[in-house]
Amino acid sequence: MTEILFNGPEGRLEGRYHQSEIPGAPIALILHPQPLHGGTMNNKVVYTLFHCFQAMGFSVLRFNFRSVGRSQGKFEGGPGELADATAALDWLQSVNPEAKQCWIAGYSFGAWIGMQLLMRRPDINGFISLSPPAGEKGKDFTFLAPCPASGLIMQGSADDIVNPDAVASLAKRLNNQKHINVEFARIEDADHMYNNKLVEVHKTIGQYVIGALRKKTPVKKKRGRRKKAVELIEDHTDPTDFSSDNEF
């Protein structure tokens, strides 16, 4: 894992990056929770997302939004952070021009930003949204009309910050749209921080992403018989073989 600084809309942005050894490996961008409540790229749920995609052979980037850690700029509560995420995705794609798939994963506030980025970037193939703040004042998800890609929404049943019923309703509404499949995973007895549930989170996401990659055909084709990225990932990864909870 490499410490990086890259240019954002309001100055440098700080990140952590893992480069896959698999040629043409898919890429994933991870977005952290609300900075005003202590959210950073080192949040344990964010790290779990990062580790999960890394274990599946992805090239992965997590970074701090403006005003967090060494990232420059002032917190804006939405528009500025969306611009930061756009810059981060641009950087990730620039160093992985042969990537066959592009995924976005966000947690809480990061999930809200991620879904907005999804609407603006048709090059995103799939998403993971953990505890999206559905029903929270000022966090309107009606912009997902229609949702442009399939994905997974996950929610803890014991969350006292994000309303589990509101998240389940959001997932149901999106899944009713044509041409996409939005799955909903309810983690029983999980609070907002997924305490003692991170291995289950890791495993659920891994199984979903591997299944989704098997269904997709890479956009770019090469001459001759070369393995697809998903085939190479399956050679290296068992989605049910994850490390102990102590690592998270």
Protein backbone atom coordinates (compact mmCIF):
# COMPACT_ATOMS: atom_id res chain seq x y z
CA MET A 1 0.00 0.00 0.00
CA THR A 2 1.38 3.37 -1.08
CA GLU A 3 0.84 6.82 0.43
CA ILE A 4 -0.05 9.28 -2.32
CA LEU A 5 -0.87 12.95 -2.84
CA PHE A 6 -2.77 13.98 -5.96
CA ASN A 7 -4.29 17.22 -7.22
CA GLY A 8 -7.85 18.03 -6.20
CA PRO A 9 -10.11 20.99 -6.97
CA GLU A 10 -8.90 22.94 -3.89
CA GLY A 11 -5.36 21.64 -3.52
CA ARG A 12 -3.67 18.37 -2.71
CA LEU A 13 -5.66 15.32 -1.58
CA GLU A 14 -4.13 12.59 0.56
CA GLY A 15 -4.74 8.93 -0.21
CA ARG A 16 -3.67 5.32 0.18
CA TYR A 17 -3.35 3.25 -2.96
CA HIS A 18 -2.91 -0.43 -3.77
CA GLN A 19 -1.82 -1.42 -7.28
CA SER A 20 -2.94 -4.86 -8.38
CA GLU A 21 -0.43 -7.18 -10.02
CA ILE A 22 -3.14 -8.52 -12.35
CA PRO A 23 -3.01 -7.03 -15.88
CA GLY A 24 -6.18 -5.10 -16.67
CA ALA A 25 -7.44 -5.54 -13.10
CA PRO A 26 -10.64 -3.70 -12.15
CA ILE A 27 -10.43 -0.56 -10.05
CA ALA A 28 -12.35 0.60 -6.98
CA LEU A 29 -12.65 3.97 -5.23
CA ILE A 30 -13.55 4.00 -1.51
CA LEU A 31 -15.26 7.01 0.12
CA HIS A 32 -15.23 7.71 3.85
CA PRO A 33 -17.96 8.93 6.25
CA GLN A 34 -18.83 12.42 7.51
CA PRO A 35 -15.67 14.43 8.29
CA LEU A 36 -17.49 16.57 10.87
CA HIS A 37 -18.11 13.41 12.89
CA GLY A 38 -14.53 12.20 12.66
CA GLY A 39 -14.78 10.33 9.37
CA THR A 40 -11.48 9.66 7.59
CA MET A 41 -10.00 7.21 5.10
CA ASN A 42 -8.64 5.28 8.12
CA ASN A 43 -12.12 4.51 9.47
CA LYS A 44 -12.32 0.76 10.15
CA VAL A 45 -15.32 0.24 7.85
CA VAL A 46 -13.52 2.11 5.06
CA TYR A 47 -10.42 0.00 5.65
CA THR A 48 -12.55 -3.15 5.47
CA LEU A 49 -13.90 -2.04 2.08
CA PHE A 50 -10.38 -1.29 0.89
CA HIS A 51 -9.05 -4.65 2.10
CA CYS A 52 -11.98 -6.51 0.53
CA PHE A 53 -11.39 -5.09 -2.95
CA GLN A 54 -7.64 -5.54 -2.57
CA ALA A 55 -8.14 -9.21 -1.69
CA MET A 56 -10.19 -9.66 -4.87
CA GLY A 57 -7.36 -8.37 -7.05
CA PHE A 58 -8.58 -4.82 -7.63
CA SER A 59 -6.41 -1.74 -7.77
CA VAL A 60 -7.91 0.33 -4.94
CA LEU A 61 -7.80 3.94 -3.77
CA ARG A 62 -9.11 5.42 -0.54
CA PHE A 63 -8.51 9.09 0.23
CA ASN A 64 -9.34 11.91 2.62
CA PHE A 65 -11.90 14.47 1.54
CA ARG A 66 -10.86 18.14 1.67
CA SER A 67 -9.97 19.44 5.16
CA VAL A 68 -9.30 15.92 6.49
CA GLY A 69 -5.77 14.83 7.41
CA ARG A 70 -3.29 16.23 4.89
CA SER A 71 -5.98 17.00 2.31
CA GLN A 72 -6.32 20.71 1.55
CA GLY A 73 -9.47 22.80 1.28
CA LYS A 74 -12.53 23.53 3.41
CA PHE A 75 -15.40 21.15 4.15
CA GLU A 76 -18.47 21.88 2.01
CA GLY A 77 -20.89 19.14 3.03
CA GLY A 78 -21.55 17.83 -0.47
CA PRO A 79 -20.56 19.70 -3.65
CA GLY A 80 -16.88 20.07 -2.76
CA GLU A 81 -16.56 16.47 -1.62
CA LEU A 82 -18.23 15.28 -4.83
CA ALA A 83 -15.63 17.28 -6.76
CA ASP A 84 -12.91 15.60 -4.67
CA ALA A 85 -14.32 12.15 -5.49
CA THR A 86 -14.38 13.05 -9.18
CA ALA A 87 -10.72 14.07 -9.05
CA ALA A 88 -9.85 10.86 -7.19
CA LEU A 89 -11.59 8.72 -9.79
CA ASP A 90 -9.83 10.62 -12.58
CA TRP A 91 -6.47 9.91 -10.93
CA LEU A 92 -7.30 6.23 -10.39
CA GLN A 93 -8.31 5.80 -14.02
CA SER A 94 -5.26 7.67 -15.27
CA VAL A 95 -2.91 5.12 -13.64
CA ASN A 96 -5.07 2.17 -14.74
CA PRO A 97 -5.99 2.91 -18.37
CA GLU A 98 -6.52 -0.79 -19.16
CA ALA A 99 -8.92 -1.49 -16.26
CA LYS A 100 -11.88 -3.56 -17.42
CA GLN A 101 -14.23 -2.55 -14.58
CA CYS A 102 -14.70 0.51 -12.37
CA TRP A 103 -16.46 0.32 -8.98
CA ILE A 104 -17.38 2.87 -6.34
CA ALA A 105 -17.86 2.02 -2.65
CA GLY A 106 -18.94 4.41 0.09
CA TYR A 107 -19.91 4.31 3.72
CA SER A 108 -22.54 6.63 5.29
CA PHE A 109 -21.76 10.18 4.03
CA GLY A 110 -19.37 8.55 1.56
CA ALA A 111 -22.21 6.39 0.24
CA TRP A 112 -24.26 9.53 -0.46
CA ILE A 113 -21.34 11.12 -2.32
CA GLY A 114 -20.67 7.86 -4.14
CA MET A 115 -24.22 7.58 -5.47
CA GLN A 116 -24.03 11.13 -6.78
CA LEU A 117 -20.75 10.30 -8.52
CA LEU A 118 -22.42 7.22 -9.99
CA MET A 119 -24.99 9.46 -11.70
CA ARG A 120 -22.27 11.61 -13.26
CA ARG A 121 -19.92 8.90 -14.45
CA PRO A 122 -21.29 6.32 -16.91
CA ASP A 123 -17.90 4.57 -16.75
CA ILE A 124 -18.76 3.21 -13.26
CA ASN A 125 -19.90 -0.40 -13.60
CA GLY A 126 -21.01 -1.22 -10.08
CA PHE A 127 -21.39 0.16 -6.55
CA ILE A 128 -21.35 -0.82 -2.90
CA SER A 129 -23.30 1.46 -0.57
CA LEU A 130 -23.00 0.89 3.19
CA SER A 131 -25.49 2.66 5.46
CA PRO A 132 -26.49 5.35 2.95
CA PRO A 133 -28.17 8.15 4.96
CA ALA A 134 -31.63 7.67 3.45
CA GLY A 135 -34.25 9.72 5.26
CA GLU A 136 -31.69 12.11 6.74
CA LYS A 137 -32.50 15.79 6.29
CA GLY A 138 -30.64 17.19 3.32
CA LYS A 139 -29.70 13.73 2.00
CA ASP A 140 -32.13 13.21 -0.85
CA PHE A 141 -31.65 10.14 -3.07
CA THR A 142 -34.37 11.03 -5.58
CA PHE A 143 -31.58 11.96 -8.02
CA LEU A 144 -31.23 8.22 -8.69
CA ALA A 145 -33.88 8.35 -11.39
CA PRO A 146 -32.96 6.08 -12.92
CA CYS A 147 -30.06 4.45 -11.11
CA PRO A 148 -27.50 3.83 -13.88
CA ALA A 149 -25.80 0.69 -12.55
CA SER A 150 -26.44 -2.38 -10.46
CA GLY A 151 -25.02 -2.67 -6.98
CA LEU A 152 -25.31 -3.71 -3.36
CA ILE A 153 -26.82 -1.69 -0.51
CA MET A 154 -25.94 -2.88 2.99
CA GLN A 155 -27.44 -1.83 6.29
CA GLY A 156 -27.14 -2.85 9.93
CA SER A 157 -30.40 -3.75 11.66
CA ALA A 158 -29.34 -2.08 14.93
CA ASP A 159 -28.14 1.21 13.40
CA ASP A 160 -29.23 4.14 15.58
CA ILE A 161 -27.85 6.80 13.20
CA VAL A 162 -29.22 5.73 9.82
CA ASN A 163 -32.81 4.45 9.71
CA PRO A 164 -32.70 0.78 8.59
CA ASP A 165 -36.26 0.89 7.25
CA ALA A 166 -35.50 3.96 5.13
CA VAL A 167 -32.46 2.23 3.62
CA ALA A 168 -34.48 -0.93 2.88
CA SER A 169 -37.12 1.21 1.16
CA LEU A 170 -34.45 2.95 -0.92
CA ALA A 171 -33.03 -0.38 -2.04
CA LYS A 172 -36.49 -1.68 -2.93
CA ARG A 173 -37.32 1.44 -4.93
CA LEU A 174 -34.08 1.26 -6.89
CA ASN A 175 -34.45 -2.46 -7.54
CA ASN A 176 -37.87 -1.86 -9.09
CA GLN A 177 -36.25 0.14 -11.88
CA LYS A 178 -35.68 -1.54 -15.23
CA HIS A 179 -32.38 -2.95 -16.49
CA ILE A 180 -30.58 -2.98 -13.11
CA ASN A 181 -30.41 -5.21 -10.06
CA VAL A 182 -29.89 -3.58 -6.67
CA GLU A 183 -29.44 -6.15 -3.94
CA PHE A 184 -30.06 -5.41 -0.27
CA ALA A 185 -28.04 -7.03 2.54
CA ARG A 186 -29.28 -6.60 6.09
CA ILE A 187 -26.64 -7.34 8.71
CA GLU A 188 -28.47 -8.51 11.81
CA ASP A 189 -27.59 -6.82 15.11
CA ALA A 190 -25.05 -4.55 13.40
CA ASP A 191 -24.79 -0.96 14.63
CA HIS A 192 -23.69 1.98 12.49
CA MET A 193 -20.00 1.13 12.94
CA TYR A 194 -20.57 -2.58 12.23
CA ASN A 195 -18.81 -3.44 15.49
CA ASN A 196 -18.02 -7.19 15.64
CA LYS A 197 -19.60 -7.56 12.18
CA LEU A 198 -16.76 -6.53 9.87
CA VAL A 199 -15.88 -10.07 8.82
CA GLU A 200 -19.50 -10.57 7.77
CA VAL A 201 -19.40 -7.26 5.88
CA HIS A 202 -16.17 -8.32 4.16
CA LYS A 203 -17.55 -11.72 3.18
CA THR A 204 -20.92 -10.40 1.94
CA ILE A 205 -19.30 -7.78 -0.26
CA GLY A 206 -16.74 -10.23 -1.61
CA GLN A 207 -19.39 -12.75 -2.60
CA TYR A 208 -21.51 -10.07 -4.26
CA VAL A 209 -18.67 -8.50 -6.27
CA ILE A 210 -17.27 -11.85 -7.47
CA GLY A 211 -20.77 -12.84 -8.59
CA ALA A 212 -21.29 -9.53 -10.38
CA LEU A 213 -17.94 -9.75 -12.18
CA ARG A 214 -18.79 -13.23 -13.46
CA LYS A 215 -21.90 -11.79 -15.14
CA LYS A 216 -20.14 -8.91 -16.87
CA THR A 217 -18.15 -8.89 -20.09
CA PRO A 218 -15.14 -6.56 -20.29
CA VAL A 219 -15.69 -3.58 -22.57
CA LYS A 220 -12.27 -3.79 -24.22
CA LYS A 221 -11.19 -6.83 -26.21
CA LYS A 222 -7.67 -7.99 -26.98
CA ARG A 223 -6.41 -10.16 -29.82
CA GLY A 224 -5.74 -13.77 -29.01
CA ARG A 225 -6.84 -15.75 -25.96
CA ARG A 226 -6.03 -13.79 -22.85
CA LYS A 227 -7.69 -14.38 -19.54
CA LYS A 228 -10.31 -11.87 -18.47
CA ALA A 229 -9.65 -9.93 -15.29
CA VAL A 230 -12.40 -11.81 -13.47
CA GLU A 231 -10.80 -15.16 -14.40
CA LEU A 232 -7.48 -13.99 -13.03
CA ILE A 233 -9.15 -12.75 -9.85
CA GLU A 234 -10.85 -16.10 -9.36
CA ASP A 235 -7.47 -17.81 -9.77
CA HIS A 236 -6.09 -15.73 -6.89
CA THR A 237 -9.10 -15.28 -4.62
CA ASP A 238 -11.65 -17.27 -2.67
CA PRO A 239 -14.41 -14.76 -1.71
CA THR A 240 -15.24 -16.79 1.39
CA ASP A 241 -11.64 -16.95 2.64
CA PHE A 242 -11.12 -13.85 4.71
CA SER A 243 -8.85 -12.92 7.58
CA SER A 244 -9.88 -12.80 11.20
CA ASP A 245 -11.79 -9.91 12.74
CA ASN A 246 -8.61 -8.78 14.51
CA GLU A 247 -7.21 -7.47 11.24
CA PHE A 248 -10.02 -4.93 10.93
